[in-house]
Amino acid sequence: MKKTVLTVAISAIVFGATTQVNAAGFQLAESSATGLGRAYAGEAAMADNASTQARNPAMLAYLEGRQLSTGGIYVMPDVDVLGDVSVTSPLLGSDAVVMNADEIDVADNALVPNFYYSNQLNDHWTWGLAVNANYGLATETDTTSAAAIFGSHTSITTVEFNPNIAYRIDDEFTVGAGLRMVYGEGEVSATTPAWIGAISANPNVPASISARLPSAGTELKSMEGDDIGYGWKAGASWQINANNRIGLAYHSGVDLDLDGTVSGVVYNGGQDITIKGYLPIELPAFAELASYHQLTENWAMHASINWTEWSTFERLVAYFPGEVKPTGDIESDIVKEENFKDSMRYAIGTTYTVNDQWTLRAGVALDNTAVDDEHRTTTIPDTDRFWFSMGTGYQVSENLSVDLGVTYIRMHGDAPISESQDLLGLATIDFNGEATGDVWLTGVQLSYKM
């Protein structure tokens, strides 16, 4: 029982409920408001400001002097989870009890901030520092809703600290590399649905069991944990000629062991007892091939192909150091089979320089899902997404510029979900439904050359 509660709780911390509509799986693509305006097309080949190192450290070599770039992107999701919960139990008779479990607007708005610095040391070397968030969510549902047992509150925050270095080989080629240091923390809780009262009041339920069932809205389980993981990234660029450039970047996977503690009346009866455990997970590797093309003096086009190694995410396995098997191995439990597949993202964008002060941007993208319909879960209701972006840049002074970006993300069709969970061996709870919704993103970026 303790293991079951902990594994459900930890998996919810990492993967949330319904906010992963920005990018495939549970990625966030929002590295800067500058790139947001063109749907992040051509990012690994662009050098607008110091934020370029978020995608390709080699592009630091194109930045002169010392530069600062900071900003934030406000994420406004409108996500609904529509479906029914059915409860099957011999205590309730032969027929399943079916209840509506629709939850409207379950994902909270959130700000994704960023900070970047670059420093050109000489004609060959440039170093930089990036601080941004690649993963994050916050969801909240009614504590007595029919699906509250699957999770009523989930939040996760990650911050990546990323020192980078770039080297200009000659006028055509640059290379770069960086260290990825990712800190993540999360919290999740699940509560008793209102229908628990119907089970408690059923005359077929023995009084000894009915007396132990918690009231609606009671915290069944909660968990919080954190960890720091490390990885690396590398990139290169080729300036084919004055008007055409290609960039290539690779980011390694980052291993995290989310250490946490669990509490809740489901397994400890309200006593002050803590169960410890951890869940290893690898944030997948990803790569980008990008191009930049200056077609006229004022007009440029750029494109990107992104790949993410989601196939490494096959299952979640939790470990419990306090419980050891007779063989000496640490107890473990398979939380959930996910069966993800590698995903691709395709983006094309354009930049038009109106005059010395104003720049216009636009872009579209297709973000392919990392999961097939038969493997989709309530924790990751992933589906294909279309991006439609536009933005502008204004040169305030010789050294200061401001970029604005707006994006609308539309989920391609509905995301059918079918999932099941056991309640204390007394009943089987099934959820059948779909996730629908869209997202608005708006951001601002301030860049300063020193």
Protein backbone atom coordinates (compact mmCIF):
# COMPACT_ATOMS: atom_id res chain seq x y z
CA MET A 1 0.00 0.00 0.00
CA LYS A 2 2.79 2.43 0.89
CA LYS A 3 4.58 1.71 -2.36
CA THR A 4 1.42 2.19 -4.42
CA VAL A 5 0.68 5.57 -2.88
CA LEU A 6 4.25 6.82 -3.31
CA THR A 7 4.63 5.73 -6.92
CA VAL A 8 1.36 7.34 -7.93
CA ALA A 9 2.35 10.54 -6.16
CA ILE A 10 5.85 10.79 -7.62
CA SER A 11 4.66 10.11 -11.16
CA ALA A 12 2.11 12.90 -10.85
CA ILE A 13 4.82 15.31 -9.67
CA VAL A 14 6.92 14.77 -12.75
CA PHE A 15 4.22 14.66 -15.35
CA GLY A 16 1.40 16.78 -14.01
CA ALA A 17 -2.14 16.53 -15.28
CA THR A 18 -3.06 18.53 -18.35
CA THR A 19 -0.63 21.38 -19.07
CA GLN A 20 1.72 19.67 -21.50
CA VAL A 21 0.30 21.35 -24.60
CA ASN A 22 3.22 23.69 -25.32
CA ALA A 23 5.55 21.06 -26.77
CA ALA A 24 5.77 17.31 -27.19
CA GLY A 25 5.70 15.24 -24.01
CA PHE A 26 6.32 17.64 -21.13
CA GLN A 27 8.79 20.06 -22.72
CA LEU A 28 8.58 23.83 -22.74
CA ALA A 29 9.96 25.61 -25.80
CA GLU A 30 9.80 29.15 -24.45
CA SER A 31 13.45 30.21 -24.34
CA SER A 32 12.91 33.88 -25.30
CA ALA A 33 10.24 36.28 -26.50
CA THR A 34 12.45 37.11 -29.49
CA GLY A 35 12.17 33.58 -30.84
CA LEU A 36 8.53 33.32 -29.80
CA GLY A 37 7.61 35.86 -32.48
CA ARG A 38 8.76 33.48 -35.24
CA ALA A 39 7.57 30.19 -33.60
CA TYR A 40 11.23 29.45 -32.74
CA ALA A 41 12.07 28.83 -36.38
CA GLY A 42 15.80 28.86 -37.12
CA GLU A 43 16.80 29.26 -33.44
CA ALA A 44 20.03 27.23 -33.69
CA ALA A 45 21.19 29.51 -36.52
CA MET A 46 20.08 32.89 -35.13
CA ALA A 47 22.12 35.45 -33.19
CA ASP A 48 19.64 38.20 -32.30
CA ASN A 49 20.87 38.57 -28.72
CA ALA A 50 22.41 36.63 -25.82
CA SER A 51 19.38 34.28 -25.66
CA THR A 52 20.77 32.45 -28.71
CA GLN A 53 22.90 30.26 -26.40
CA ALA A 54 19.74 28.58 -25.06
CA ARG A 55 19.56 26.61 -28.31
CA ASN A 56 23.08 26.66 -29.78
CA PRO A 57 26.16 27.72 -27.78
CA ALA A 58 28.16 28.11 -31.01
CA MET A 59 26.08 31.17 -31.91
CA LEU A 60 27.68 33.10 -29.04
CA ALA A 61 30.63 33.69 -31.37
CA TYR A 62 28.43 36.04 -33.43
CA LEU A 63 27.81 38.40 -30.49
CA GLU A 64 30.13 41.38 -30.04
CA GLY A 65 31.22 42.86 -26.72
CA ARG A 66 29.15 42.17 -23.63
CA GLN A 67 25.40 41.66 -23.89
CA LEU A 68 22.47 41.10 -21.53
CA SER A 69 19.07 39.74 -22.47
CA THR A 70 16.23 39.06 -20.06
CA GLY A 71 12.50 38.64 -20.25
CA GLY A 72 9.55 36.39 -19.66
CA ILE A 73 6.75 34.57 -21.43
CA TYR A 74 3.28 34.41 -19.92
CA VAL A 75 1.54 31.10 -20.62
CA MET A 76 -2.27 31.15 -20.68
CA PRO A 77 -3.66 27.65 -21.21
CA ASP A 78 -7.35 26.90 -21.64
CA VAL A 79 -7.46 23.13 -21.12
CA ASP A 80 -10.50 21.01 -20.32
CA VAL A 81 -10.59 17.34 -19.35
CA LEU A 82 -13.96 15.90 -20.33
CA GLY A 83 -15.07 12.39 -19.47
CA ASP A 84 -16.70 9.97 -17.06
CA VAL A 85 -15.48 8.05 -14.06
CA SER A 86 -16.92 4.57 -13.51
CA VAL A 87 -16.60 2.75 -10.18
CA THR A 88 -16.81 -1.03 -10.18
CA SER A 89 -16.94 -2.95 -6.91
CA PRO A 90 -18.58 -6.14 -5.63
CA LEU A 91 -19.72 -4.00 -2.72
CA LEU A 92 -21.86 -1.92 -5.08
CA GLY A 93 -23.41 -4.76 -7.03
CA SER A 94 -22.76 -6.05 -10.51
CA ASP A 95 -23.23 -2.76 -12.39
CA ALA A 96 -20.63 0.00 -12.51
CA VAL A 97 -21.55 3.39 -11.10
CA VAL A 98 -20.84 6.05 -13.74
CA MET A 99 -20.36 9.75 -12.89
CA ASN A 100 -19.50 12.81 -14.91
CA ALA A 101 -15.91 13.93 -14.32
CA ASP A 102 -15.64 17.04 -16.52
CA GLU A 103 -13.09 19.56 -15.32
CA ILE A 104 -12.99 22.96 -17.04
CA ASP A 105 -9.88 25.15 -17.25
CA VAL A 106 -7.70 22.95 -15.06
CA ALA A 107 -4.33 24.48 -16.00
CA ASP A 108 -3.18 27.66 -14.28
CA ASN A 109 -1.52 30.59 -16.04
CA ALA A 110 2.24 30.79 -15.47
CA LEU A 111 5.22 33.04 -16.14
CA VAL A 112 8.36 31.49 -17.69
CA PRO A 113 11.29 33.90 -17.04
CA ASN A 114 14.77 33.90 -18.57
CA PHE A 115 18.16 35.59 -18.21
CA TYR A 116 21.20 35.50 -20.54
CA TYR A 117 24.65 37.08 -20.54
CA SER A 118 27.45 36.95 -23.12
CA ASN A 119 31.02 38.24 -23.06
CA GLN A 120 33.33 38.35 -26.07
CA LEU A 121 36.88 37.77 -24.79
CA ASN A 122 38.67 38.23 -28.11
CA ASP A 123 38.24 37.53 -31.83
CA HIS A 124 37.98 33.77 -31.18
CA TRP A 125 36.47 33.17 -27.72
CA THR A 126 33.09 34.15 -26.25
CA TRP A 127 31.50 32.83 -23.10
CA GLY A 128 27.99 33.12 -21.75
CA LEU A 129 25.53 32.18 -19.02
CA ALA A 130 21.91 31.12 -19.48
CA VAL A 131 19.27 30.79 -16.75
CA ASN A 132 15.86 29.64 -17.89
CA ALA A 133 13.10 27.12 -17.24
CA ASN A 134 12.51 24.15 -19.54
CA TYR A 135 9.77 22.39 -17.59
CA GLY A 136 6.95 23.69 -15.41
CA LEU A 137 3.27 23.36 -14.64
CA ALA A 138 0.52 24.11 -12.13
CA THR A 139 -2.91 22.46 -12.12
CA GLU A 140 -5.78 22.62 -9.68
CA THR A 141 -9.16 20.86 -9.62
CA ASP A 142 -11.98 20.71 -7.10
CA THR A 143 -10.93 18.55 -4.15
CA THR A 144 -14.21 16.60 -4.28
CA SER A 145 -14.51 16.14 -8.06
CA ALA A 146 -15.17 12.67 -9.45
CA ALA A 147 -11.59 12.36 -10.73
CA ALA A 148 -9.90 13.89 -7.65
CA ILE A 149 -8.42 10.50 -6.79
CA PHE A 150 -6.24 10.83 -9.92
CA GLY A 151 -4.86 14.14 -8.57
CA SER A 152 -6.35 17.42 -7.36
CA HIS A 153 -3.22 19.62 -7.21
CA THR A 154 0.04 19.35 -9.11
CA SER A 155 2.94 21.76 -9.54
CA ILE A 156 6.51 21.48 -10.74
CA THR A 157 9.22 24.11 -11.16
CA THR A 158 12.56 23.65 -12.90
CA VAL A 159 15.48 26.02 -13.39
CA GLU A 160 18.44 25.36 -15.68
CA PHE A 161 21.82 27.02 -15.06
CA ASN A 162 23.87 26.81 -18.22
CA PRO A 163 27.45 28.17 -18.63
CA ASN A 164 28.58 28.12 -22.27
CA ILE A 165 31.70 28.75 -24.34
CA ALA A 166 32.06 29.36 -28.09
CA TYR A 167 35.09 29.39 -30.38
CA ARG A 168 35.30 30.99 -33.84
CA ILE A 169 37.51 28.80 -36.02
CA ASP A 170 37.43 31.16 -39.00
CA ASP A 171 34.96 33.32 -40.92
CA GLU A 172 32.87 30.25 -41.81
CA PHE A 173 32.83 27.91 -38.82
CA THR A 174 32.10 28.27 -35.10
CA VAL A 175 31.72 25.63 -32.40
CA GLY A 176 30.42 25.77 -28.84
CA ALA A 177 29.64 23.70 -25.77
CA GLY A 178 27.95 24.09 -22.40
CA LEU A 179 27.16 22.42 -19.09
CA ARG A 180 23.52 21.78 -18.15
CA MET A 181 22.67 21.99 -14.43
CA VAL A 182 18.96 21.40 -13.84
CA TYR A 183 17.21 21.84 -10.49
CA GLY A 184 13.65 20.57 -10.17
CA GLU A 185 11.10 20.52 -7.38
CA GLY A 186 7.49 19.44 -7.32
CA GLU A 187 4.39 18.89 -5.24
CA VAL A 188 1.26 16.83 -5.78
CA SER A 189 -1.82 15.82 -3.83
CA ALA A 190 -4.88 13.68 -4.41
CA THR A 191 -8.12 13.92 -2.45
CA THR A 192 -11.26 11.92 -1.80
CA PRO A 193 -13.99 12.32 -4.46
CA ALA A 194 -17.53 13.13 -3.41
CA TRP A 195 -18.72 9.70 -4.57
CA ILE A 196 -16.86 8.10 -1.66
CA GLY A 197 -19.93 9.02 0.38
CA ALA A 198 -22.10 6.80 -1.79
CA ILE A 199 -19.83 3.84 -1.09
CA SER A 200 -19.78 4.60 2.64
CA ALA A 201 -23.59 4.86 2.80
CA ASN A 202 -24.23 1.72 0.74
CA PRO A 203 -25.86 -0.95 2.94
CA ASN A 204 -23.77 -3.65 1.23
CA VAL A 205 -20.55 -2.12 2.60
CA PRO A 206 -19.61 -3.61 5.97
CA ALA A 207 -19.69 -1.08 8.82
CA SER A 208 -16.05 -1.85 9.67
CA ILE A 209 -15.01 -0.68 6.18
CA SER A 210 -17.45 2.21 5.97
CA ALA A 211 -16.11 3.67 9.21
CA ARG A 212 -12.58 3.80 7.82
CA LEU A 213 -13.45 5.58 4.57
CA PRO A 214 -12.41 9.27 4.65
CA SER A 215 -14.92 12.03 3.97
CA ALA A 216 -15.08 13.90 0.66
CA GLY A 217 -12.19 16.30 0.11
CA THR A 218 -9.84 14.56 2.54
CA GLU A 219 -6.20 14.46 1.47
CA LEU A 220 -5.48 10.90 0.43
CA LYS A 221 -1.87 11.37 -0.53
CA SER A 222 0.62 14.16 -1.07
CA MET A 223 4.25 14.24 -2.05
CA GLU A 224 7.02 16.76 -2.54
CA GLY A 225 10.59 16.22 -3.71
CA ASP A 226 13.53 17.69 -5.58
CA ASP A 227 16.89 16.92 -7.17
CA ILE A 228 19.72 18.38 -9.27
CA GLY A 229 20.84 16.73 -12.51
CA TYR A 230 23.67 17.41 -14.96
CA GLY A 231 24.13 17.15 -18.69
CA TRP A 232 25.90 18.87 -21.56
CA LYS A 233 25.26 20.43 -24.93
CA ALA A 234 27.29 21.20 -28.04
CA GLY A 235 26.73 23.05 -31.27
CA ALA A 236 28.28 24.30 -34.50
CA SER A 237 27.49 26.76 -37.26
CA TRP A 238 28.51 27.16 -40.89
CA GLN A 239 28.37 30.58 -42.53
CA ILE A 240 28.00 29.38 -46.13
CA ASN A 241 28.18 32.92 -47.44
CA ALA A 242 27.15 36.39 -46.34
CA ASN A 243 23.43 35.56 -46.68
CA ASN A 244 23.10 31.90 -45.69
CA ARG A 245 23.93 30.08 -42.47
CA ILE A 246 23.29 26.63 -40.97
CA GLY A 247 23.32 25.76 -37.28
CA LEU A 248 23.33 22.37 -35.55
CA ALA A 249 22.97 21.75 -31.82
CA TYR A 250 22.62 18.74 -29.51
CA HIS A 251 21.52 18.68 -25.86
CA SER A 252 22.24 15.55 -23.85
CA GLY A 253 19.73 13.88 -21.57
CA VAL A 254 19.70 14.89 -17.89
CA ASP A 255 19.22 12.25 -15.18
CA LEU A 256 17.17 13.18 -12.13
CA ASP A 257 16.46 11.11 -9.00
CA LEU A 258 13.44 12.82 -7.51
CA ASP A 259 13.79 12.21 -3.78
CA GLY A 260 10.62 12.78 -1.83
CA THR A 261 8.39 12.09 1.11
CA VAL A 262 4.72 11.16 1.14
CA SER A 263 1.92 11.84 3.62
CA GLY A 264 -1.83 11.27 3.57
CA VAL A 265 -4.50 9.34 5.42
CA VAL A 266 -4.79 6.67 2.72
CA TYR A 267 -1.71 4.87 3.94
CA ASN A 268 -0.81 6.30 7.34
CA GLY A 269 -4.23 6.83 8.85
CA GLY A 270 -3.40 10.44 9.67
CA GLN A 271 -0.40 9.47 11.77
CA ASP A 272 2.88 11.39 11.58
CA ILE A 273 4.61 8.74 9.47
CA THR A 274 6.83 9.49 6.47
CA ILE A 275 7.63 7.15 3.60
CA LYS A 276 10.73 7.96 1.58
CA GLY A 277 11.48 7.00 -2.00
CA TYR A 278 12.87 8.20 -5.29
CA LEU A 279 12.02 7.94 -8.95
CA PRO A 280 14.83 8.06 -11.54
CA ILE A 281 13.96 9.82 -14.76
CA GLU A 282 15.94 11.00 -17.75
CA LEU A 283 14.93 14.26 -19.35
CA PRO A 284 15.43 13.21 -22.98
CA ALA A 285 18.15 14.36 -25.35
CA PHE A 286 17.15 16.68 -28.18
CA ALA A 287 18.73 18.19 -31.27
CA GLU A 288 18.03 20.95 -33.78
CA LEU A 289 19.07 21.58 -37.38
CA ALA A 290 18.36 25.18 -38.38
CA SER A 291 18.98 27.53 -41.28
CA TYR A 292 18.99 31.29 -41.83
CA HIS A 293 18.62 32.92 -45.27
CA GLN A 294 18.84 36.66 -45.97
CA LEU A 295 16.79 36.85 -49.18
CA THR A 296 16.85 40.64 -49.61
CA GLU A 297 18.33 43.55 -47.72
CA ASN A 298 15.21 43.68 -45.49
CA TRP A 299 13.73 40.18 -45.65
CA ALA A 300 15.02 36.91 -44.14
CA MET A 301 13.62 33.39 -43.83
CA HIS A 302 14.58 30.75 -41.27
CA ALA A 303 13.59 27.16 -40.54
CA SER A 304 14.15 24.43 -37.96
CA ILE A 305 13.80 20.68 -37.63
CA ASN A 306 13.83 19.49 -34.01
CA TRP A 307 14.15 15.93 -32.73
CA THR A 308 13.55 14.70 -29.17
CA GLU A 309 14.57 11.22 -27.98
CA TRP A 310 11.30 10.40 -26.21
CA SER A 311 11.74 6.68 -26.97
CA THR A 312 13.93 6.49 -23.85
CA PHE A 313 10.80 7.16 -21.80
CA GLU A 314 9.24 3.69 -21.73
CA ARG A 315 8.19 3.29 -18.11
CA LEU A 316 8.40 4.81 -14.64
CA VAL A 317 9.95 2.74 -11.86
CA ALA A 318 10.04 3.94 -8.25
CA TYR A 319 12.53 2.71 -5.63
CA PHE A 320 12.19 2.51 -1.84
CA PRO A 321 15.54 2.53 0.03
CA GLY A 322 13.83 1.71 3.33
CA GLU A 323 12.46 -1.57 1.99
CA VAL A 324 14.98 -4.24 1.02
CA LYS A 325 14.24 -7.62 -0.56
CA PRO A 326 15.72 -10.84 0.88
CA THR A 327 18.14 -10.76 -2.06
CA GLY A 328 19.50 -7.43 -0.82
CA ASP A 329 17.99 -5.45 -3.71
CA ILE A 330 16.03 -2.28 -3.01
CA GLU A 331 12.27 -2.67 -3.39
CA SER A 332 10.95 -1.21 -6.61
CA ASP A 333 7.64 -0.82 -8.34
CA ILE A 334 6.65 -0.14 -11.94
CA VAL A 335 4.52 2.98 -11.71
CA LYS A 336 3.27 3.20 -15.25
CA GLU A 337 4.01 2.06 -18.78
CA GLU A 338 4.32 5.11 -21.04
CA ASN A 339 5.72 3.74 -24.34
CA PHE A 340 6.73 7.09 -25.80
CA LYS A 341 8.26 7.46 -29.25
CA ASP A 342 10.75 9.96 -30.67
CA SER A 343 9.05 13.16 -31.79
CA MET A 344 9.74 15.79 -34.43
CA ARG A 345 8.99 19.51 -34.65
CA TYR A 346 9.01 21.54 -37.87
CA ALA A 347 9.03 25.36 -37.95
CA ILE A 348 9.39 28.04 -40.59
CA GLY A 349 9.55 31.77 -39.92
CA THR A 350 10.39 35.12 -41.38
CA THR A 351 11.88 38.44 -40.28
CA TYR A 352 11.31 41.74 -42.04
CA THR A 353 13.33 44.84 -41.17
CA VAL A 354 11.06 47.84 -41.69
CA ASN A 355 13.70 50.47 -40.84
CA ASP A 356 16.50 51.10 -38.37
CA GLN A 357 14.04 50.91 -35.47
CA TRP A 358 11.32 48.40 -36.31
CA THR A 359 11.50 44.67 -37.09
CA LEU A 360 8.55 42.35 -37.79
CA ARG A 361 8.51 38.57 -37.24
CA ALA A 362 6.11 35.70 -37.95
CA GLY A 363 6.22 31.92 -37.99
CA VAL A 364 4.30 28.65 -37.93
CA ALA A 365 5.21 25.25 -36.54
CA LEU A 366 3.96 21.67 -36.30
CA ASP A 367 4.83 19.95 -33.02
CA ASN A 368 4.27 16.21 -33.33
CA THR A 369 3.08 14.17 -30.36
CA ALA A 370 5.31 11.70 -28.53
CA VAL A 371 2.53 9.21 -27.75
CA ASP A 372 0.02 7.14 -29.72
CA ASP A 373 -3.70 7.18 -28.86
CA GLU A 374 -3.59 3.76 -27.18
CA HIS A 375 -0.84 4.87 -24.78
CA ARG A 376 -2.13 8.33 -23.82
CA THR A 377 -2.74 8.84 -20.09
CA THR A 378 -4.40 11.44 -17.89
CA THR A 379 -0.94 12.46 -16.67
CA ILE A 380 0.37 13.23 -20.17
CA PRO A 381 -2.53 13.94 -22.59
CA ASP A 382 -0.09 14.63 -25.42
CA THR A 383 -1.26 15.32 -28.98
CA ASP A 384 -0.11 17.15 -32.13
CA ARG A 385 -0.04 20.96 -31.89
CA PHE A 386 0.00 23.80 -34.42
CA TRP A 387 1.81 27.06 -33.62
CA PHE A 388 0.86 30.45 -35.13
CA SER A 389 3.22 33.24 -34.06
CA MET A 390 3.94 36.90 -34.68
CA GLY A 391 6.19 39.47 -33.06
CA THR A 392 8.00 42.74 -33.36
CA GLY A 393 11.27 44.32 -32.29
CA TYR A 394 11.96 47.96 -31.48
CA GLN A 395 15.43 49.52 -31.25
CA VAL A 396 15.00 51.97 -28.39
CA SER A 397 18.58 53.24 -28.61
CA GLU A 398 21.90 52.18 -30.04
CA ASN A 399 22.36 49.69 -27.20
CA LEU A 400 18.82 48.83 -26.03
CA SER A 401 16.18 46.83 -27.88
CA VAL A 402 12.76 45.44 -26.94
CA ASP A 403 11.11 42.38 -28.53
CA LEU A 404 7.47 41.35 -28.20
CA GLY A 405 5.96 38.01 -29.24
CA VAL A 406 2.53 36.38 -29.31
CA THR A 407 1.69 32.76 -30.13
CA TYR A 408 -1.52 30.78 -30.41
CA ILE A 409 -1.19 27.00 -30.01
CA ARG A 410 -4.05 24.79 -31.14
CA MET A 411 -4.30 21.12 -30.26
CA HIS A 412 -4.90 19.01 -33.36
CA GLY A 413 -8.18 17.26 -32.61
CA ASP A 414 -9.08 15.70 -29.29
CA ALA A 415 -6.80 13.52 -27.18
CA PRO A 416 -8.73 10.38 -26.12
CA ILE A 417 -7.80 9.02 -22.69
CA SER A 418 -8.60 5.71 -21.05
CA GLU A 419 -7.08 4.90 -17.66
CA SER A 420 -7.76 2.75 -14.60
CA GLN A 421 -6.83 2.79 -10.90
CA ASP A 422 -7.45 0.54 -7.90
CA LEU A 423 -8.92 1.94 -4.66
CA LEU A 424 -7.60 0.03 -1.65
CA GLY A 425 -8.63 -3.26 -3.23
CA LEU A 426 -12.27 -2.28 -2.70
CA ALA A 427 -13.07 -0.86 -6.12
CA THR A 428 -11.70 -0.23 -9.61
CA ILE A 429 -11.96 3.33 -10.91
CA ASP A 430 -11.88 3.90 -14.67
CA PHE A 431 -11.60 7.21 -16.46
CA ASN A 432 -12.70 7.48 -20.09
CA GLY A 433 -12.67 10.82 -21.84
CA GLU A 434 -10.51 13.30 -23.69
CA ALA A 435 -8.42 16.41 -23.25
CA THR A 436 -9.16 19.48 -25.35
CA GLY A 437 -7.85 23.01 -25.37
CA ASP A 438 -5.52 25.67 -26.66
CA VAL A 439 -2.84 28.02 -25.33
CA TRP A 440 -1.95 31.67 -25.74
CA LEU A 441 1.65 32.77 -25.15
CA THR A 442 2.80 36.37 -24.90
CA GLY A 443 6.28 37.58 -24.03
CA VAL A 444 8.68 40.49 -23.82
CA GLN A 445 12.49 40.50 -24.12
CA LEU A 446 14.87 43.33 -23.18
CA SER A 447 18.37 43.20 -24.68
CA TYR A 448 21.27 45.54 -23.91
CA LYS A 449 24.73 45.82 -25.45
CA MET A 450 27.42 47.13 -23.11
